[in-house]
């Protein structure tokens, strides 16, 4: 065979071989943040997995043995943890993405979140888990220390209920949720503080979550007319009780019943009541045990029993409370739930919004003004 023929044959073999070669597309590139090996990852940054050149098919993440909840974006190129991360915890992540022609890519990571110098937790929540409450009931959350980054903490507070509502901060360590309008009767509400890993201030992070589920019961609203000396109780719009009352004598401010929308807060039988600002031997001093007392403010106002039927329905002679006949007081005591509205009218003293649970004294814009600062909306083009 001549050299020319041999060269031609070798050239055709090379061409045929090139034509039969299969070009495999590159695998998707997956990045995980925090990066693998990070020793002090900031918990408030959360966990983010991204894919380039493909779509994420699975993301599995664990904090210790606990799965980490998260969600994909619409394009399935980004997965984010639903909430912030647990401080001082080892995390492992495994992600798979699929690209062109079914080519897959995989990535794994292991990292640890930082251990904060200070921690904040939920000290208490009202209502308590499983409680049945009245239609005006707020959600009152008290923290173990003052909160500096209120906006970050508010974002971590989730309320699942049937109506619109918002948070307001009465003080640095307490936040209150109130619906725009009172809760619908016979509904369920769940509150969850996804506080773990939230940066509440410099070097301060949330240490634990907290969840409470409660039921809104029947709609019981009481109206007290101090001028007519009458109290009317309605359940689901139907009058169930009409009571003669005696309200505050109004000789001083503390002896004046406050007008406004109160909420029932707690009750006792009996409750010890002592005259405010007076010592034993002073004029007007008293120290008594009062039965069937339902508290409606922090300034000593109750709806309670008193056997002074000569005054009830005729004249106001109390030290600021609303007193009714003992048998009627017992009925109210037995039927009242925390958060039942008690609307008082006819006096010269107005209930302050921060006196007990006087939160319904504020309009909705006023209520919103007490929340964490919200980002300004961009001007339209």
Protein backbone atom coordinates (compact mmCIF):
# COMPACT_ATOMS: atom_id res chain seq x y z
CA UNK A 1 0.00 0.00 0.00
CA UNK A 2 1.42 3.36 -0.97
CA UNK A 3 2.14 6.02 1.56
CA UNK A 4 -0.51 8.26 -0.06
CA UNK A 5 -3.27 5.69 0.34
CA UNK A 6 -2.25 5.04 3.93
CA UNK A 7 -2.40 8.75 4.77
CA UNK A 8 -5.90 9.03 3.23
CA UNK A 9 -7.16 6.06 5.23
CA UNK A 10 -5.77 7.45 8.49
CA UNK A 11 -7.42 10.82 7.80
CA UNK A 12 -10.86 9.24 7.22
CA UNK A 13 -10.54 7.18 10.41
CA UNK A 14 -9.85 10.35 12.37
CA UNK A 15 -12.90 12.04 10.83
CA UNK A 16 -15.14 9.07 11.59
CA UNK A 17 -13.88 8.91 15.17
CA UNK A 18 -14.57 12.61 15.73
CA UNK A 19 -18.08 12.24 14.36
CA UNK A 20 -18.92 9.47 16.82
CA UNK A 21 -17.65 11.33 19.94
CA UNK A 22 -20.34 12.36 22.56
CA UNK A 23 -20.09 15.83 24.11
CA UNK A 24 -21.31 15.76 27.76
CA UNK A 25 -22.71 19.08 29.13
CA UNK A 26 -21.07 20.40 32.31
CA UNK A 27 -22.71 19.52 35.62
CA UNK A 28 -24.61 22.27 37.50
CA UNK A 29 -22.52 24.23 39.99
CA UNK A 30 -23.91 24.30 43.56
CA UNK A 31 -22.84 26.78 46.23
CA UNK A 32 -23.79 26.58 49.91
CA UNK A 33 -23.66 29.51 52.34
CA UNK A 34 -22.32 29.37 55.00
CA UNK A 35 -19.42 27.60 53.34
CA UNK A 36 -18.30 24.18 54.47
CA UNK A 37 -15.81 24.36 57.32
CA UNK A 38 -17.08 27.69 58.70
CA UNK A 39 -16.62 27.63 62.47
CA UNK A 40 -18.65 30.68 63.56
CA UNK A 41 -21.39 31.25 61.01
CA UNK A 42 -23.82 34.09 61.90
CA UNK A 43 -27.18 32.48 62.72
CA UNK A 44 -29.23 35.43 61.48
CA UNK A 45 -27.94 35.03 57.89
CA UNK A 46 -29.78 31.73 57.55
CA UNK A 47 -28.82 28.96 55.12
CA UNK A 48 -28.83 29.52 51.33
CA UNK A 49 -28.19 26.97 48.57
CA UNK A 50 -27.80 28.13 44.94
CA UNK A 51 -27.48 26.29 41.61
CA UNK A 52 -25.92 27.64 38.41
CA UNK A 53 -26.53 25.83 35.13
CA UNK A 54 -29.40 23.75 36.46
CA UNK A 55 -32.30 23.45 38.89
CA UNK A 56 -32.13 22.20 42.45
CA UNK A 57 -33.91 18.89 42.88
CA UNK A 58 -33.27 18.13 46.55
CA UNK A 59 -31.83 19.98 49.53
CA UNK A 60 -31.45 18.17 52.84
CA UNK A 61 -30.19 20.13 55.84
CA UNK A 62 -29.94 19.15 59.48
CA UNK A 63 -29.19 21.02 62.69
CA UNK A 64 -27.81 18.17 64.75
CA UNK A 65 -30.54 15.56 64.19
CA UNK A 66 -33.31 18.06 63.46
CA UNK A 67 -34.30 18.79 59.85
CA UNK A 68 -34.04 22.43 58.76
CA UNK A 69 -37.22 23.75 57.07
CA UNK A 70 -36.78 25.74 53.88
CA UNK A 71 -38.23 26.51 50.48
CA UNK A 72 -37.19 26.85 46.83
CA UNK A 73 -37.73 29.99 44.82
CA UNK A 74 -39.93 29.93 41.71
CA UNK A 75 -37.04 28.96 39.43
CA UNK A 76 -35.74 26.29 41.84
CA UNK A 77 -32.28 27.78 41.56
CA UNK A 78 -32.27 29.03 45.16
CA UNK A 79 -33.27 27.30 48.41
CA UNK A 80 -33.44 29.28 51.66
CA UNK A 81 -34.02 28.19 55.23
CA UNK A 82 -37.39 29.37 56.47
CA UNK A 83 -35.94 30.96 59.59
CA UNK A 84 -32.64 31.87 61.18
CA UNK A 85 -30.26 29.18 62.43
CA UNK A 86 -29.68 27.74 65.88
CA UNK A 87 -26.65 29.26 67.63
CA UNK A 88 -23.74 27.03 68.64
CA UNK A 89 -24.95 24.13 66.47
CA UNK A 90 -23.35 21.83 63.89
CA UNK A 91 -25.13 21.82 60.50
CA UNK A 92 -24.82 19.40 57.60
CA UNK A 93 -26.20 20.06 54.10
CA UNK A 94 -26.52 17.88 51.00
CA UNK A 95 -27.85 19.30 47.72
CA UNK A 96 -28.47 17.88 44.24
CA UNK A 97 -29.16 19.83 41.02
CA UNK A 98 -30.05 18.68 37.50
CA UNK A 99 -28.85 20.43 34.38
CA UNK A 100 -29.04 20.00 30.63
CA UNK A 101 -29.63 16.47 29.31
CA UNK A 102 -30.20 15.21 32.85
CA UNK A 103 -26.66 15.79 34.04
CA UNK A 104 -26.60 16.07 37.83
CA UNK A 105 -24.34 17.87 40.25
CA UNK A 106 -24.01 17.36 43.98
CA UNK A 107 -22.54 19.33 46.86
CA UNK A 108 -22.24 18.80 50.60
CA UNK A 109 -21.23 21.09 53.43
CA UNK A 110 -20.73 21.04 57.17
CA UNK A 111 -20.43 24.14 59.33
CA UNK A 112 -21.05 25.39 62.87
CA UNK A 113 -22.89 28.54 63.94
CA UNK A 114 -21.36 30.91 66.45
CA UNK A 115 -22.07 30.73 70.17
CA UNK A 116 -23.38 34.17 71.22
CA UNK A 117 -22.15 36.12 74.22
CA UNK A 118 -25.74 36.96 75.23
CA UNK A 119 -29.02 35.19 74.62
CA UNK A 120 -32.64 36.31 74.69
CA UNK A 121 -35.69 34.10 75.07
CA UNK A 122 -39.44 34.39 75.57
CA UNK A 123 -40.12 34.68 79.29
CA UNK A 124 -43.91 34.50 79.06
CA UNK A 125 -46.83 34.59 76.63
CA UNK A 126 -50.45 35.52 77.26
CA UNK A 127 -52.69 33.72 76.46
CA UNK A 128 -51.27 30.41 77.56
CA UNK A 129 -51.28 27.35 75.31
CA UNK A 130 -54.73 25.81 75.00
CA UNK A 131 -56.57 28.72 76.64
CA UNK A 132 -60.02 29.87 75.50
CA UNK A 133 -60.18 33.68 75.48
CA UNK A 134 -62.47 36.59 74.76
CA UNK A 135 -62.70 38.43 71.44
CA UNK A 136 -60.55 41.34 72.60
CA UNK A 137 -57.60 39.24 73.81
CA UNK A 138 -54.14 40.52 72.87
CA UNK A 139 -51.03 38.38 72.49
CA UNK A 140 -48.56 39.68 75.08
CA UNK A 141 -44.97 38.49 74.69
CA UNK A 142 -42.40 39.28 77.37
CA UNK A 143 -38.69 38.66 76.75
CA UNK A 144 -35.91 37.80 79.19
CA UNK A 145 -33.97 40.95 78.28
CA UNK A 146 -34.49 44.21 76.36
CA UNK A 147 -34.65 43.91 72.57
CA UNK A 148 -32.60 46.40 70.55
CA UNK A 149 -33.35 45.20 67.01
CA UNK A 150 -37.14 45.22 67.24
CA UNK A 151 -37.65 44.88 63.50
CA UNK A 152 -35.65 41.63 63.37
CA UNK A 153 -37.61 40.18 66.26
CA UNK A 154 -40.97 41.25 64.79
CA UNK A 155 -40.11 39.46 61.53
CA UNK A 156 -39.63 36.28 63.55
CA UNK A 157 -43.08 36.49 65.20
CA UNK A 158 -45.74 34.59 63.28
CA UNK A 159 -49.50 34.80 63.98
CA UNK A 160 -51.83 32.50 62.08
CA UNK A 161 -55.36 33.76 62.54
CA UNK A 162 -58.44 34.89 60.63
CA UNK A 163 -57.91 38.67 60.76
CA UNK A 164 -55.32 41.36 60.17
CA UNK A 165 -53.20 42.45 63.14
CA UNK A 166 -49.94 44.11 64.13
CA UNK A 167 -47.36 44.38 66.91
CA UNK A 168 -46.69 47.30 69.26
CA UNK A 169 -43.88 47.70 71.82
CA UNK A 170 -45.07 49.04 75.21
CA UNK A 171 -41.50 48.68 76.50
CA UNK A 172 -38.05 47.38 75.50
CA UNK A 173 -38.72 43.83 76.72
CA UNK A 174 -42.37 43.41 75.74
CA UNK A 175 -44.34 43.36 72.50
CA UNK A 176 -48.13 43.10 72.06
CA UNK A 177 -50.16 41.86 69.11
CA UNK A 178 -53.63 43.25 68.56
CA UNK A 179 -55.96 42.50 65.65
CA UNK A 180 -57.23 45.47 63.67
CA UNK A 181 -60.73 44.48 64.71
CA UNK A 182 -61.66 42.10 67.46
CA UNK A 183 -61.25 38.40 66.85
CA UNK A 184 -64.21 36.59 65.28
CA UNK A 185 -65.88 34.33 67.83
CA UNK A 186 -65.16 30.60 67.84
CA UNK A 187 -61.91 30.69 65.88
CA UNK A 188 -58.42 29.32 66.46
CA UNK A 189 -55.15 31.26 66.51
CA UNK A 190 -51.55 30.06 66.64
CA UNK A 191 -48.61 32.23 67.65
CA UNK A 192 -45.01 31.14 67.06
CA UNK A 193 -41.87 33.03 68.00
CA UNK A 194 -39.19 31.78 65.60
CA UNK A 195 -36.66 33.42 67.88
CA UNK A 196 -33.80 30.92 67.60
CA UNK A 197 -30.82 32.60 65.95
CA UNK A 198 -32.45 36.03 65.56
CA UNK A 199 -30.01 38.84 66.19
CA UNK A 200 -31.86 40.92 68.78
CA UNK A 201 -28.94 43.28 69.45
CA UNK A 202 -25.14 43.44 69.40
CA UNK A 203 -23.77 39.94 70.23
CA UNK A 204 -27.31 38.96 71.35
CA UNK A 205 -29.23 36.13 69.70
CA UNK A 206 -32.47 34.29 70.32
CA UNK A 207 -31.93 30.97 72.08
CA UNK A 208 -35.25 29.11 71.59
CA UNK A 209 -38.56 29.16 69.75
CA UNK A 210 -41.94 29.36 71.49
CA UNK A 211 -45.40 28.39 70.22
CA UNK A 212 -48.88 28.90 71.67
CA UNK A 213 -52.26 27.90 70.23
CA UNK A 214 -55.47 29.32 71.66
CA UNK A 215 -59.17 29.45 70.90
CA UNK A 216 -61.38 32.54 70.74
CA UNK A 217 -64.64 31.63 72.46
CA UNK A 218 -68.10 33.16 72.31
CA UNK A 219 -68.36 36.94 71.92
CA UNK A 220 -69.20 38.28 75.40
CA UNK A 221 -69.24 42.08 75.67
CA UNK A 222 -70.30 43.98 78.79
CA UNK A 223 -71.32 47.65 78.76
CA UNK A 224 -71.30 49.68 81.97
CA UNK A 225 -73.23 52.97 82.09
CA UNK A 226 -72.06 54.72 85.26
CA UNK A 227 -74.73 57.43 84.94
CA UNK A 228 -77.61 55.00 84.59
CA UNK A 229 -75.91 52.65 87.13
CA UNK A 230 -76.47 49.66 84.87
CA UNK A 231 -74.33 46.86 83.41
CA UNK A 232 -75.57 44.86 80.41
CA UNK A 233 -73.88 41.62 79.33
CA UNK A 234 -74.37 40.36 75.78
CA UNK A 235 -73.26 37.01 74.42
CA UNK A 236 -73.08 36.78 70.64
CA UNK A 237 -75.24 39.91 70.49
CA UNK A 238 -77.98 38.61 72.79
CA UNK A 239 -78.60 40.21 76.21
CA UNK A 240 -77.96 37.55 78.87
CA UNK A 241 -77.70 39.67 82.04
CA UNK A 242 -78.74 43.12 83.22
CA UNK A 243 -77.20 44.19 86.51
CA UNK A 244 -77.58 47.22 88.75
CA UNK A 245 -74.15 48.59 89.60
CA UNK A 246 -72.39 51.17 91.73
CA UNK A 247 -69.24 52.70 90.26
CA UNK A 248 -66.50 55.00 91.58
CA UNK A 249 -67.56 57.88 93.80
CA UNK A 250 -65.23 60.22 91.85
CA UNK A 251 -64.09 62.26 94.86
CA UNK A 252 -60.48 61.72 93.70
CA UNK A 253 -58.90 60.46 90.48
CA UNK A 254 -58.15 57.02 91.90
CA UNK A 255 -61.74 56.72 93.10
CA UNK A 256 -63.06 57.49 89.60
CA UNK A 257 -63.89 54.55 87.35
CA UNK A 258 -62.14 55.00 84.01
CA UNK A 259 -64.21 55.21 80.83
CA UNK A 260 -63.13 53.19 77.81
CA UNK A 261 -62.76 49.67 76.49
CA UNK A 262 -61.30 47.51 79.24
CA UNK A 263 -60.47 43.82 78.93
CA UNK A 264 -60.91 41.25 81.68
CA UNK A 265 -57.40 40.26 82.78
CA UNK A 266 -57.68 37.79 85.67
CA UNK A 267 -59.91 36.99 88.63
CA UNK A 268 -59.85 35.86 92.23
CA UNK A 269 -62.21 34.85 94.99
CA UNK A 270 -61.43 36.59 97.20
CA UNK A 271 -59.05 39.41 96.27
CA UNK A 272 -57.41 41.59 98.90
CA UNK A 273 -58.03 45.26 98.18
CA UNK A 274 -56.11 48.01 99.99
CA UNK A 275 -56.71 51.75 99.66
CA UNK A 276 -54.10 53.34 97.35
CA UNK A 277 -51.66 55.84 98.88
CA UNK A 278 -53.09 55.54 102.42
CA UNK A 279 -51.82 53.94 105.59
CA UNK A 280 -53.75 52.40 108.41
CA UNK A 281 -55.29 55.20 110.47
CA UNK A 282 -55.47 57.63 107.51
CA UNK A 283 -58.91 58.93 106.51
CA UNK A 284 -60.43 56.68 103.87
CA UNK A 285 -58.09 53.76 104.61
CA UNK A 286 -59.43 50.26 103.89
CA UNK A 287 -58.08 46.72 103.72
CA UNK A 288 -60.74 44.18 102.68
CA UNK A 289 -61.17 40.77 101.11
CA UNK A 290 -63.61 41.09 98.20
CA UNK A 291 -65.36 38.13 96.59
CA UNK A 292 -65.84 37.21 92.94
CA UNK A 293 -63.49 39.90 91.65
CA UNK A 294 -62.66 40.17 87.93
CA UNK A 295 -59.82 42.59 87.19
CA UNK A 296 -60.20 45.00 84.25
CA UNK A 297 -57.15 47.31 84.63
CA UNK A 298 -53.84 47.76 86.42
CA UNK A 299 -55.12 50.71 88.46
CA UNK A 300 -57.21 48.61 90.83
CA UNK A 301 -60.45 48.38 88.86
CA UNK A 302 -62.54 45.22 89.18
CA UNK A 303 -66.06 44.02 88.59
CA UNK A 304 -66.80 42.42 91.96
CA UNK A 305 -69.41 41.43 94.52
CA UNK A 306 -70.68 43.90 97.13
CA UNK A 307 -73.72 43.59 99.34
CA UNK A 308 -74.76 47.23 99.09
CA UNK A 309 -77.97 46.94 97.14
CA UNK A 310 -79.12 50.29 98.53
CA UNK A 311 -76.55 51.99 96.23
CA UNK A 312 -76.59 49.69 93.21
CA UNK A 313 -78.75 51.12 90.48
CA UNK A 314 -78.97 54.47 92.31
CA UNK A 315 -75.64 56.10 93.22
CA UNK A 316 -71.89 55.64 92.69
CA UNK A 317 -70.15 55.08 96.03
CA UNK A 318 -67.25 52.69 95.29
CA UNK A 319 -63.51 53.34 95.36
CA UNK A 320 -63.32 53.02 91.57
CA UNK A 321 -64.53 49.46 91.00
CA UNK A 322 -67.81 48.34 89.52
CA UNK A 323 -69.70 46.43 92.20
CA UNK A 324 -72.80 44.31 91.69
CA UNK A 325 -75.01 42.05 93.76
CA UNK A 326 -73.13 38.94 95.01
CA UNK A 327 -75.15 36.40 93.01
CA UNK A 328 -74.69 38.42 89.82
CA UNK A 329 -70.99 38.92 90.54
CA UNK A 330 -70.63 35.16 90.88
CA UNK A 331 -72.33 34.64 87.52
CA UNK A 332 -69.98 37.12 85.85
CA UNK A 333 -66.98 35.56 87.59
CA UNK A 334 -67.95 32.10 86.38
CA UNK A 335 -68.56 33.16 82.77
CA UNK A 336 -65.79 35.71 82.17
CA UNK A 337 -62.83 34.75 79.98
CA UNK A 338 -59.59 36.68 79.77
CA UNK A 339 -59.93 39.23 77.00
CA UNK A 340 -63.68 39.84 77.31
CA UNK A 341 -64.39 43.54 76.59
CA UNK A 342 -65.94 45.64 79.38
CA UNK A 343 -66.90 49.03 77.93
CA UNK A 344 -67.39 51.75 80.57
CA UNK A 345 -69.03 55.11 79.82
CA UNK A 346 -70.11 58.19 81.75
CA UNK A 347 -67.07 59.23 83.81
CA UNK A 348 -64.55 62.07 83.59
CA UNK A 349 -61.52 59.76 83.65
CA UNK A 350 -60.33 58.15 80.42
CA UNK A 351 -58.70 54.72 80.45
CA UNK A 352 -55.06 54.97 79.32
CA UNK A 353 -54.04 52.58 76.54
CA UNK A 354 -51.24 51.15 78.69
CA UNK A 355 -53.33 50.73 81.84
CA UNK A 356 -53.70 46.97 81.93
CA UNK A 357 -54.84 45.79 78.53
CA UNK A 358 -56.41 49.06 77.42
CA UNK A 359 -55.05 48.53 73.91
CA UNK A 360 -58.41 49.07 72.20
CA UNK A 361 -58.22 52.70 73.30
CA UNK A 362 -55.88 53.33 70.36
CA UNK A 363 -56.99 53.75 66.77
CA UNK A 364 -55.42 51.45 64.20
CA UNK A 365 -52.99 54.12 62.88
CA UNK A 366 -51.99 54.92 66.48
CA UNK A 367 -51.43 51.24 67.15
CA UNK A 368 -49.25 50.81 64.05
CA UNK A 369 -47.12 53.79 65.07
CA UNK A 370 -45.84 51.84 68.07
CA UNK A 371 -44.42 48.95 66.05
CA UNK A 372 -40.87 48.50 64.81
CA UNK A 373 -39.83 50.97 62.07
CA UNK A 374 -40.83 49.70 58.63
CA UNK A 375 -38.79 50.24 55.45
CA UNK A 376 -39.93 53.23 53.42
CA UNK A 377 -41.77 52.39 50.22
CA UNK A 378 -40.05 53.35 46.99
CA UNK A 379 -41.60 56.22 45.09
CA UNK A 380 -43.43 55.20 41.91
CA UNK A 381 -41.53 55.91 38.66
